[in-house]
Full PDB file with SEQRES, HELIX, SHEET, SSBOND, CRYST1, ORIGX, SCALE, CONECT and MASTER records, all heavy atoms in Angstrom:
SEQRES   1 A   31  GLY LEU LEU HIS HIS ASP GLY GLU HIS ASN ILE TRP GLN          
SEQRES   2 A   31  VAL ILE HIS ALA VAL PRO GLY GLU ASP GLU PRO GLU TYR          
SEQRES   3 A   31  MET GLU ALA GLU ALA                                          
SHEET    1 AA1 3 LEU A   2  ASP A   6  0                                        
SHEET    2 AA1 3 ILE A  11  HIS A  16 -1                                        
SHEET    3 AA1 3 GLU A  28  GLU A  30 -1                                        
CRYST1    1.000    1.000    1.000  90.00  90.00  90.00 P 1           1          
ORIGX1      1.000000  0.000000  0.000000        0.00000                         
ORIGX2      0.000000  1.000000  0.000000        0.00000                         
ORIGX3      0.000000  0.000000  1.000000        0.00000                         
SCALE1      1.000000  0.000000  0.000000        0.00000                         
SCALE2      0.000000  1.000000  0.000000        0.00000                         
SCALE3      0.000000  0.000000  1.000000        0.00000                         
ATOM      1  N   GLY A   1       0.838  -1.191   0.000  1.00  0.00           N  
ATOM      2  CA  GLY A   1       0.000   0.000   0.000  1.00  0.00           C  
ATOM      3  C   GLY A   1       0.868   1.234   0.000  1.00  0.00           C  
ATOM      4  O   GLY A   1       2.104   1.143   0.117  1.00  0.00           O  
ATOM      5  N   LEU A   2       0.248   2.397  -0.116  1.00  0.00           N  
ATOM      6  CA  LEU A   2       0.974   3.668  -0.177  1.00  0.00           C  
ATOM      7  C   LEU A   2       0.843   4.437   1.140  1.00  0.00           C  
ATOM      8  O   LEU A   2      -0.246   4.556   1.696  1.00  0.00           O  
ATOM      9  CB  LEU A   2       0.420   4.539  -1.307  1.00  0.00           C  
ATOM     10  CG  LEU A   2       0.737   4.075  -2.730  1.00  0.00           C  
ATOM     11  CD1 LEU A   2      -0.147   4.818  -3.722  1.00  0.00           C  
ATOM     12  CD2 LEU A   2       2.199   4.312  -3.056  1.00  0.00           C  
ATOM     13  N   LEU A   3       1.963   4.956   1.613  1.00  0.00           N  
ATOM     14  CA  LEU A   3       1.952   5.762   2.834  1.00  0.00           C  
ATOM     15  C   LEU A   3       1.404   7.161   2.564  1.00  0.00           C  
ATOM     16  O   LEU A   3       1.763   7.811   1.575  1.00  0.00           O  
ATOM     17  CB  LEU A   3       3.358   5.879   3.407  1.00  0.00           C  
ATOM     18  CG  LEU A   3       3.902   4.651   4.145  1.00  0.00           C  
ATOM     19  CD1 LEU A   3       5.379   4.850   4.471  1.00  0.00           C  
ATOM     20  CD2 LEU A   3       3.110   4.399   5.422  1.00  0.00           C  
ATOM     21  N   HIS A   4       0.533   7.607   3.466  1.00  0.00           N  
ATOM     22  CA  HIS A   4      -0.049   8.948   3.382  1.00  0.00           C  
ATOM     23  C   HIS A   4      -0.107   9.539   4.780  1.00  0.00           C  
ATOM     24  O   HIS A   4      -0.547   8.878   5.729  1.00  0.00           O  
ATOM     25  CB  HIS A   4      -1.452   8.882   2.787  1.00  0.00           C  
ATOM     26  CG  HIS A   4      -2.274  10.116   3.015  1.00  0.00           C  
ATOM     27  ND1 HIS A   4      -1.897  11.350   2.531  1.00  0.00           N  
ATOM     28  CD2 HIS A   4      -3.441  10.309   3.702  1.00  0.00           C  
ATOM     29  CE1 HIS A   4      -2.805  12.250   2.894  1.00  0.00           C  
ATOM     30  NE2 HIS A   4      -3.734  11.656   3.602  1.00  0.00           N  
ATOM     31  N   HIS A   5       0.358  10.796   4.909  1.00  0.00           N  
ATOM     32  CA  HIS A   5       0.305  11.452   6.214  1.00  0.00           C  
ATOM     33  C   HIS A   5      -0.984  12.249   6.352  1.00  0.00           C  
ATOM     34  O   HIS A   5      -1.250  13.163   5.569  1.00  0.00           O  
ATOM     35  CB  HIS A   5       1.499  12.374   6.428  1.00  0.00           C  
ATOM     36  CG  HIS A   5       1.569  12.929   7.812  1.00  0.00           C  
ATOM     37  ND1 HIS A   5       1.186  14.224   8.130  1.00  0.00           N  
ATOM     38  CD2 HIS A   5       1.954  12.350   8.981  1.00  0.00           C  
ATOM     39  CE1 HIS A   5       1.332  14.411   9.423  1.00  0.00           C  
ATOM     40  NE2 HIS A   5       1.808  13.305   9.963  1.00  0.00           N  
ATOM     41  N   ASP A   6      -1.785  11.864   7.328  1.00  0.00           N  
ATOM     42  CA  ASP A   6      -3.031  12.581   7.631  1.00  0.00           C  
ATOM     43  C   ASP A   6      -2.684  13.747   8.545  1.00  0.00           C  
ATOM     44  O   ASP A   6      -2.515  13.586   9.754  1.00  0.00           O  
ATOM     45  CB  ASP A   6      -4.009  11.623   8.316  1.00  0.00           C  
ATOM     46  CG  ASP A   6      -5.326  12.288   8.688  1.00  0.00           C  
ATOM     47  OD1 ASP A   6      -5.455  13.523   8.517  1.00  0.00           O  
ATOM     48  OD2 ASP A   6      -6.235  11.579   9.150  1.00  0.00           O  
ATOM     49  N   GLY A   7      -2.565  14.939   7.942  1.00  0.00           N  
ATOM     50  CA  GLY A   7      -2.154  16.111   8.703  1.00  0.00           C  
ATOM     51  C   GLY A   7      -3.150  16.524   9.761  1.00  0.00           C  
ATOM     52  O   GLY A   7      -2.770  17.039  10.820  1.00  0.00           O  
ATOM     53  N   GLU A   8      -4.432  16.306   9.504  1.00  0.00           N  
ATOM     54  CA  GLU A   8      -5.466  16.702  10.462  1.00  0.00           C  
ATOM     55  C   GLU A   8      -5.320  15.952  11.787  1.00  0.00           C  
ATOM     56  O   GLU A   8      -5.468  16.525  12.863  1.00  0.00           O  
ATOM     57  CB  GLU A   8      -6.849  16.443   9.866  1.00  0.00           C  
ATOM     58  CG  GLU A   8      -7.991  16.856  10.789  1.00  0.00           C  
ATOM     59  CD  GLU A   8      -9.350  16.612  10.172  1.00  0.00           C  
ATOM     60  OE1 GLU A   8      -9.418  16.223   8.980  1.00  0.00           O  
ATOM     61  OE2 GLU A   8     -10.359  16.805  10.886  1.00  0.00           O  
ATOM     62  N   HIS A   9      -5.009  14.668  11.706  1.00  0.00           N  
ATOM     63  CA  HIS A   9      -4.871  13.856  12.914  1.00  0.00           C  
ATOM     64  C   HIS A   9      -3.407  13.535  13.239  1.00  0.00           C  
ATOM     65  O   HIS A   9      -3.136  12.848  14.230  1.00  0.00           O  
ATOM     66  CB  HIS A   9      -5.652  12.555  12.750  1.00  0.00           C  
ATOM     67  CG  HIS A   9      -7.123  12.759  12.530  1.00  0.00           C  
ATOM     68  ND1 HIS A   9      -7.696  12.752  11.279  1.00  0.00           N  
ATOM     69  CD2 HIS A   9      -8.120  13.019  13.407  1.00  0.00           C  
ATOM     70  CE1 HIS A   9      -9.000  12.962  11.394  1.00  0.00           C  
ATOM     71  NE2 HIS A   9      -9.286  13.138  12.664  1.00  0.00           N  
ATOM     72  N   ASN A  10      -2.502  14.027  12.408  1.00  0.00           N  
ATOM     73  CA  ASN A  10      -1.062  13.842  12.593  1.00  0.00           C  
ATOM     74  C   ASN A  10      -0.699  12.363  12.757  1.00  0.00           C  
ATOM     75  O   ASN A  10       0.026  11.972  13.676  1.00  0.00           O  
ATOM     76  CB  ASN A  10      -0.562  14.644  13.806  1.00  0.00           C  
ATOM     77  CG  ASN A  10       0.958  14.730  13.821  1.00  0.00           C  
ATOM     78  OD1 ASN A  10       1.603  14.718  12.770  1.00  0.00           O  
ATOM     79  ND2 ASN A  10       1.542  14.820  15.010  1.00  0.00           N  
ATOM     80  N   ILE A  11      -1.218  11.546  11.836  1.00  0.00           N  
ATOM     81  CA  ILE A  11      -0.879  10.130  11.848  1.00  0.00           C  
ATOM     82  C   ILE A  11      -0.553   9.682  10.426  1.00  0.00           C  
ATOM     83  O   ILE A  11      -1.014  10.269   9.451  1.00  0.00           O  
ATOM     84  CB  ILE A  11      -2.028   9.247  12.398  1.00  0.00           C  
ATOM     85  CG1 ILE A  11      -3.286   9.398  11.536  1.00  0.00           C  
ATOM     86  CG2 ILE A  11      -2.315   9.548  13.855  1.00  0.00           C  
ATOM     87  CD1 ILE A  11      -4.365   8.393  11.854  1.00  0.00           C  
ATOM     88  N   TRP A  12       0.243   8.614  10.332  1.00  0.00           N  
ATOM     89  CA  TRP A  12       0.512   7.996   9.044  1.00  0.00           C  
ATOM     90  C   TRP A  12      -0.534   6.930   8.767  1.00  0.00           C  
ATOM     91  O   TRP A  12      -0.911   6.162   9.656  1.00  0.00           O  
ATOM     92  CB  TRP A  12       1.908   7.385   9.014  1.00  0.00           C  
ATOM     93  CG  TRP A  12       2.983   8.410   8.828  1.00  0.00           C  
ATOM     94  CD1 TRP A  12       3.706   9.027   9.813  1.00  0.00           C  
ATOM     95  CD2 TRP A  12       3.431   8.954   7.584  1.00  0.00           C  
ATOM     96  NE1 TRP A  12       4.588   9.923   9.253  1.00  0.00           N  
ATOM     97  CE2 TRP A  12       4.441   9.908   7.888  1.00  0.00           C  
ATOM     98  CE3 TRP A  12       3.085   8.744   6.257  1.00  0.00           C  
ATOM     99  CZ2 TRP A  12       5.104  10.627   6.910  1.00  0.00           C  
ATOM    100  CZ3 TRP A  12       3.744   9.461   5.267  1.00  0.00           C  
ATOM    101  CH2 TRP A  12       4.744  10.395   5.584  1.00  0.00           C  
ATOM    102  N   GLN A  13      -0.999   6.912   7.539  1.00  0.00           N  
ATOM    103  CA  GLN A  13      -1.961   5.918   7.091  1.00  0.00           C  
ATOM    104  C   GLN A  13      -1.379   5.123   5.925  1.00  0.00           C  
ATOM    105  O   GLN A  13      -0.427   5.563   5.291  1.00  0.00           O  
ATOM    106  CB  GLN A  13      -3.259   6.590   6.636  1.00  0.00           C  
ATOM    107  CG  GLN A  13      -3.988   7.359   7.705  1.00  0.00           C  
ATOM    108  CD  GLN A  13      -5.232   8.055   7.148  1.00  0.00           C  
ATOM    109  OE1 GLN A  13      -5.218   8.543   6.019  1.00  0.00           O  
ATOM    110  NE2 GLN A  13      -6.299   8.087   7.926  1.00  0.00           N  
ATOM    111  N   VAL A  14      -1.999   3.987   5.658  1.00  0.00           N  
ATOM    112  CA  VAL A  14      -1.664   3.204   4.470  1.00  0.00           C  
ATOM    113  C   VAL A  14      -2.910   3.126   3.598  1.00  0.00           C  
ATOM    114  O   VAL A  14      -3.966   2.682   4.054  1.00  0.00           O  
ATOM    115  CB  VAL A  14      -1.182   1.790   4.825  1.00  0.00           C  
ATOM    116  CG1 VAL A  14      -0.842   1.017   3.542  1.00  0.00           C  
ATOM    117  CG2 VAL A  14       0.035   1.847   5.739  1.00  0.00           C  
ATOM    118  N   ILE A  15      -2.782   3.591   2.354  1.00  0.00           N  
ATOM    119  CA  ILE A  15      -3.873   3.473   1.386  1.00  0.00           C  
ATOM    120  C   ILE A  15      -3.666   2.164   0.644  1.00  0.00           C  
ATOM    121  O   ILE A  15      -2.627   1.946   0.016  1.00  0.00           O  
ATOM    122  CB  ILE A  15      -3.877   4.659   0.404  1.00  0.00           C  
ATOM    123  CG1 ILE A  15      -4.014   5.982   1.165  1.00  0.00           C  
ATOM    124  CG2 ILE A  15      -5.003   4.512  -0.612  1.00  0.00           C  
ATOM    125  CD1 ILE A  15      -3.881   7.213   0.277  1.00  0.00           C  
ATOM    126  N   HIS A  16      -4.662   1.292   0.720  1.00  0.00           N  
ATOM    127  CA  HIS A  16      -4.464  -0.032   0.113  1.00  0.00           C  
ATOM    128  C   HIS A  16      -5.791  -0.667  -0.274  1.00  0.00           C  
ATOM    129  O   HIS A  16      -6.861  -0.223   0.131  1.00  0.00           O  
ATOM    130  CB  HIS A  16      -3.685  -0.947   1.069  1.00  0.00           C  
ATOM    131  CG  HIS A  16      -4.407  -1.316   2.334  1.00  0.00           C  
ATOM    132  ND1 HIS A  16      -4.531  -2.611   2.762  1.00  0.00           N  
ATOM    133  CD2 HIS A  16      -5.046  -0.555   3.267  1.00  0.00           C  
ATOM    134  CE1 HIS A  16      -5.197  -2.654   3.893  1.00  0.00           C  
ATOM    135  NE2 HIS A  16      -5.520  -1.417   4.229  1.00  0.00           N  
ATOM    136  N   ALA A  17      -5.682  -1.698  -1.086  1.00  0.00           N  
ATOM    137  CA  ALA A  17      -6.833  -2.492  -1.521  1.00  0.00           C  
ATOM    138  C   ALA A  17      -6.603  -3.921  -1.052  1.00  0.00           C  
ATOM    139  O   ALA A  17      -5.576  -4.519  -1.360  1.00  0.00           O  
ATOM    140  CB  ALA A  17      -6.960  -2.455  -3.046  1.00  0.00           C  
ATOM    141  N   VAL A  18      -7.546  -4.453  -0.292  1.00  0.00           N  
ATOM    142  CA  VAL A  18      -7.357  -5.793   0.271  1.00  0.00           C  
ATOM    143  C   VAL A  18      -8.692  -6.528   0.303  1.00  0.00           C  
ATOM    144  O   VAL A  18      -9.718  -5.934   0.619  1.00  0.00           O  
ATOM    145  CB  VAL A  18      -6.739  -5.705   1.686  1.00  0.00           C  
ATOM    146  CG1 VAL A  18      -7.652  -5.005   2.659  1.00  0.00           C  
ATOM    147  CG2 VAL A  18      -6.354  -7.078   2.211  1.00  0.00           C  
ATOM    148  N   PRO A  19      -8.696  -7.807  -0.056  1.00  0.00           N  
ATOM    149  CA  PRO A  19      -9.947  -8.571  -0.008  1.00  0.00           C  
ATOM    150  C   PRO A  19     -10.158  -9.215   1.357  1.00  0.00           C  
ATOM    151  O   PRO A  19      -9.208  -9.504   2.084  1.00  0.00           O  
ATOM    152  CB  PRO A  19      -9.721  -9.653  -1.073  1.00  0.00           C  
ATOM    153  CG  PRO A  19      -8.250  -9.926  -0.984  1.00  0.00           C  
ATOM    154  CD  PRO A  19      -7.601  -8.599  -0.647  1.00  0.00           C  
ATOM    155  N   GLY A  20     -11.415  -9.409   1.707  1.00  0.00           N  
ATOM    156  CA  GLY A  20     -11.739 -10.253   2.849  1.00  0.00           C  
ATOM    157  C   GLY A  20     -11.729  -9.615   4.219  1.00  0.00           C  
ATOM    158  O   GLY A  20     -12.093 -10.265   5.193  1.00  0.00           O  
ATOM    159  N   GLU A  21     -11.297  -8.350   4.348  1.00  0.00           N  
ATOM    160  CA  GLU A  21     -11.253  -7.730   5.675  1.00  0.00           C  
ATOM    161  C   GLU A  21     -12.555  -7.015   6.006  1.00  0.00           C  
ATOM    162  O   GLU A  21     -12.970  -6.972   7.151  1.00  0.00           O  
ATOM    163  CB  GLU A  21     -10.077  -6.760   5.775  1.00  0.00           C  
ATOM    164  CG  GLU A  21      -8.727  -7.467   5.815  1.00  0.00           C  
ATOM    165  CD  GLU A  21      -7.570  -6.515   6.072  1.00  0.00           C  
ATOM    166  OE1 GLU A  21      -7.802  -5.286   6.130  1.00  0.00           O  
ATOM    167  OE2 GLU A  21      -6.436  -7.004   6.194  1.00  0.00           O  
ATOM    168  N   ASP A  22     -13.189  -6.420   4.990  1.00  0.00           N  
ATOM    169  CA  ASP A  22     -14.435  -5.694   5.189  1.00  0.00           C  
ATOM    170  C   ASP A  22     -15.356  -5.952   4.001  1.00  0.00           C  
ATOM    171  O   ASP A  22     -14.917  -6.306   2.916  1.00  0.00           O  
ATOM    172  CB  ASP A  22     -14.184  -4.176   5.317  1.00  0.00           C  
ATOM    173  CG  ASP A  22     -13.317  -3.823   6.517  1.00  0.00           C  
ATOM    174  OD1 ASP A  22     -13.794  -4.002   7.645  1.00  0.00           O  
ATOM    175  OD2 ASP A  22     -12.173  -3.397   6.304  1.00  0.00           O  
ATOM    176  N   GLU A  23     -16.643  -5.728   4.204  1.00  0.00           N  
ATOM    177  CA  GLU A  23     -17.617  -5.816   3.126  1.00  0.00           C  
ATOM    178  C   GLU A  23     -18.406  -4.514   3.065  1.00  0.00           C  
ATOM    179  O   GLU A  23     -18.898  -4.059   4.094  1.00  0.00           O  
ATOM    180  CB  GLU A  23     -18.580  -6.989   3.364  1.00  0.00           C  
ATOM    181  CG  GLU A  23     -17.938  -8.358   3.232  1.00  0.00           C  
ATOM    182  CD  GLU A  23     -17.577  -8.706   1.795  1.00  0.00           C  
ATOM    183  OE1 GLU A  23     -18.092  -8.024   0.879  1.00  0.00           O  
ATOM    184  OE2 GLU A  23     -16.786  -9.628   1.592  1.00  0.00           O  
ATOM    185  N   PRO A  24     -18.569  -3.905   1.893  1.00  0.00           N  
ATOM    186  CA  PRO A  24     -17.939  -4.260   0.616  1.00  0.00           C  
ATOM    187  C   PRO A  24     -16.414  -4.062   0.685  1.00  0.00           C  
ATOM    188  O   PRO A  24     -15.914  -3.395   1.582  1.00  0.00           O  
ATOM    189  CB  PRO A  24     -18.568  -3.282  -0.385  1.00  0.00           C  
ATOM    190  CG  PRO A  24     -19.700  -2.619   0.319  1.00  0.00           C  
ATOM    191  CD  PRO A  24     -19.415  -2.701   1.763  1.00  0.00           C  
ATOM    192  N   GLU A  25     -15.715  -4.617  -0.294  1.00  0.00           N  
ATOM    193  CA  GLU A  25     -14.255  -4.593  -0.288  1.00  0.00           C  
ATOM    194  C   GLU A  25     -13.720  -3.312  -0.933  1.00  0.00           C  
ATOM    195  O   GLU A  25     -13.034  -3.335  -1.941  1.00  0.00           O  
ATOM    196  CB  GLU A  25     -13.714  -5.818  -1.018  1.00  0.00           C  
ATOM    197  CG  GLU A  25     -14.044  -7.127  -0.312  1.00  0.00           C  
ATOM    198  CD  GLU A  25     -13.605  -8.343  -1.092  1.00  0.00           C  
ATOM    199  OE1 GLU A  25     -13.498  -8.278  -2.334  1.00  0.00           O  
ATOM    200  OE2 GLU A  25     -13.362  -9.389  -0.451  1.00  0.00           O  
ATOM    201  N   TYR A  26     -14.052  -2.174  -0.313  1.00  0.00           N  
ATOM    202  CA  TYR A  26     -13.585  -0.892  -0.818  1.00  0.00           C  
ATOM    203  C   TYR A  26     -12.109  -0.692  -0.499  1.00  0.00           C  
ATOM    204  O   TYR A  26     -11.591  -1.194   0.503  1.00  0.00           O  
ATOM    205  CB  TYR A  26     -14.371   0.257  -0.196  1.00  0.00           C  
ATOM    206  CG  TYR A  26     -15.820   0.346  -0.595  1.00  0.00           C  
ATOM    207  CD1 TYR A  26     -16.815   0.511   0.367  1.00  0.00           C  
ATOM    208  CD2 TYR A  26     -16.197   0.293  -1.942  1.00  0.00           C  
ATOM    209  CE1 TYR A  26     -18.160   0.616   0.009  1.00  0.00           C  
ATOM    210  CE2 TYR A  26     -17.538   0.393  -2.307  1.00  0.00           C  
ATOM    211  CZ  TYR A  26     -18.509   0.548  -1.327  1.00  0.00           C  
ATOM    212  OH  TYR A  26     -19.826   0.642  -1.693  1.00  0.00           O  
ATOM    213  N   MET A  27     -11.439   0.100  -1.329  1.00  0.00           N  
ATOM    214  CA  MET A  27     -10.107   0.587  -0.970  1.00  0.00           C  
ATOM    215  C   MET A  27     -10.234   1.426   0.290  1.00  0.00           C  
ATOM    216  O   MET A  27     -11.268   2.041   0.525  1.00  0.00           O  
ATOM    217  CB  MET A  27      -9.534   1.450  -2.098  1.00  0.00           C  
ATOM    218  CG  MET A  27      -8.966   0.669  -3.241  1.00  0.00           C  
ATOM    219  SD  MET A  27      -8.287   1.783  -4.479  1.00  0.00           S  
ATOM    220  CE  MET A  27      -7.426   2.955  -3.412  1.00  0.00           C  
ATOM    221  N   GLU A  28      -9.177   1.465   1.081  1.00  0.00           N  
ATOM    222  CA  GLU A  28      -9.270   2.197   2.338  1.00  0.00           C  
ATOM    223  C   GLU A  28      -7.938   2.832   2.721  1.00  0.00           C  
ATOM    224  O   GLU A  28      -6.872   2.427   2.254  1.00  0.00           O  
ATOM    225  CB  GLU A  28      -9.731   1.271   3.457  1.00  0.00           C  
ATOM    226  CG  GLU A  28      -8.815   0.069   3.695  1.00  0.00           C  
ATOM    227  CD  GLU A  28      -9.370  -0.885   4.730  1.00  0.00           C  
ATOM    228  OE1 GLU A  28     -10.309  -0.495   5.453  1.00  0.00           O  
ATOM    229  OE2 GLU A  28      -8.868  -2.010   4.819  1.00  0.00           O  
ATOM    230  N   ALA A  29      -8.048   3.834   3.569  1.00  0.00           N  
ATOM    231  CA  ALA A  29      -6.876   4.459   4.185  1.00  0.00           C  
ATOM    232  C   ALA A  29      -6.983   4.183   5.674  1.00  0.00           C  
ATOM    233  O   ALA A  29      -7.878   4.699   6.342  1.00  0.00           O  
ATOM    234  CB  ALA A  29      -6.861   5.966   3.919  1.00  0.00           C  
ATOM    235  N   GLU A  30      -6.089   3.335   6.180  1.00  0.00           N  
ATOM    236  CA  GLU A  30      -6.183   2.974   7.589  1.00  0.00           C  
ATOM    237  C   GLU A  30      -4.886   3.298   8.310  1.00  0.00           C  
ATOM    238  O   GLU A  30      -3.817   3.364   7.702  1.00  0.00           O  
ATOM    239  CB  GLU A  30      -6.546   1.505   7.770  1.00  0.00           C  
ATOM    240  CG  GLU A  30      -5.529   0.509   7.304  1.00  0.00           C  
ATOM    241  CD  GLU A  30      -5.999  -0.935   7.492  1.00  0.00           C  
ATOM    242  OE1 GLU A  30      -7.163  -1.142   7.878  1.00  0.00           O  
ATOM    243  OE2 GLU A  30      -5.190  -1.840   7.230  1.00  0.00           O  
ATOM    244  N   ALA A  31      -5.011   3.506   9.606  1.00  0.00           N  
ATOM    245  CA  ALA A  31      -3.849   3.871  10.415  1.00  0.00           C  
ATOM    246  C   ALA A  31      -2.755   2.816  10.308  1.00  0.00           C  
ATOM    247  O   ALA A  31      -3.033   1.617  10.190  1.00  0.00           O  
ATOM    248  CB  ALA A  31      -4.266   4.048  11.873  1.00  0.00           C  
TER     249      ALA A  31                                                      
MASTER        0    0    0    0    3    0    0    6  248    1    0    3          
END                                                                             
């Protein structure tokens, strides 16, 4: 996944696409 810095919350996130963790299987930015 790609690293992205969330300036509002001052945390690093990973933007990625993954199957099977959530439904629907949307791309997500997670801590």
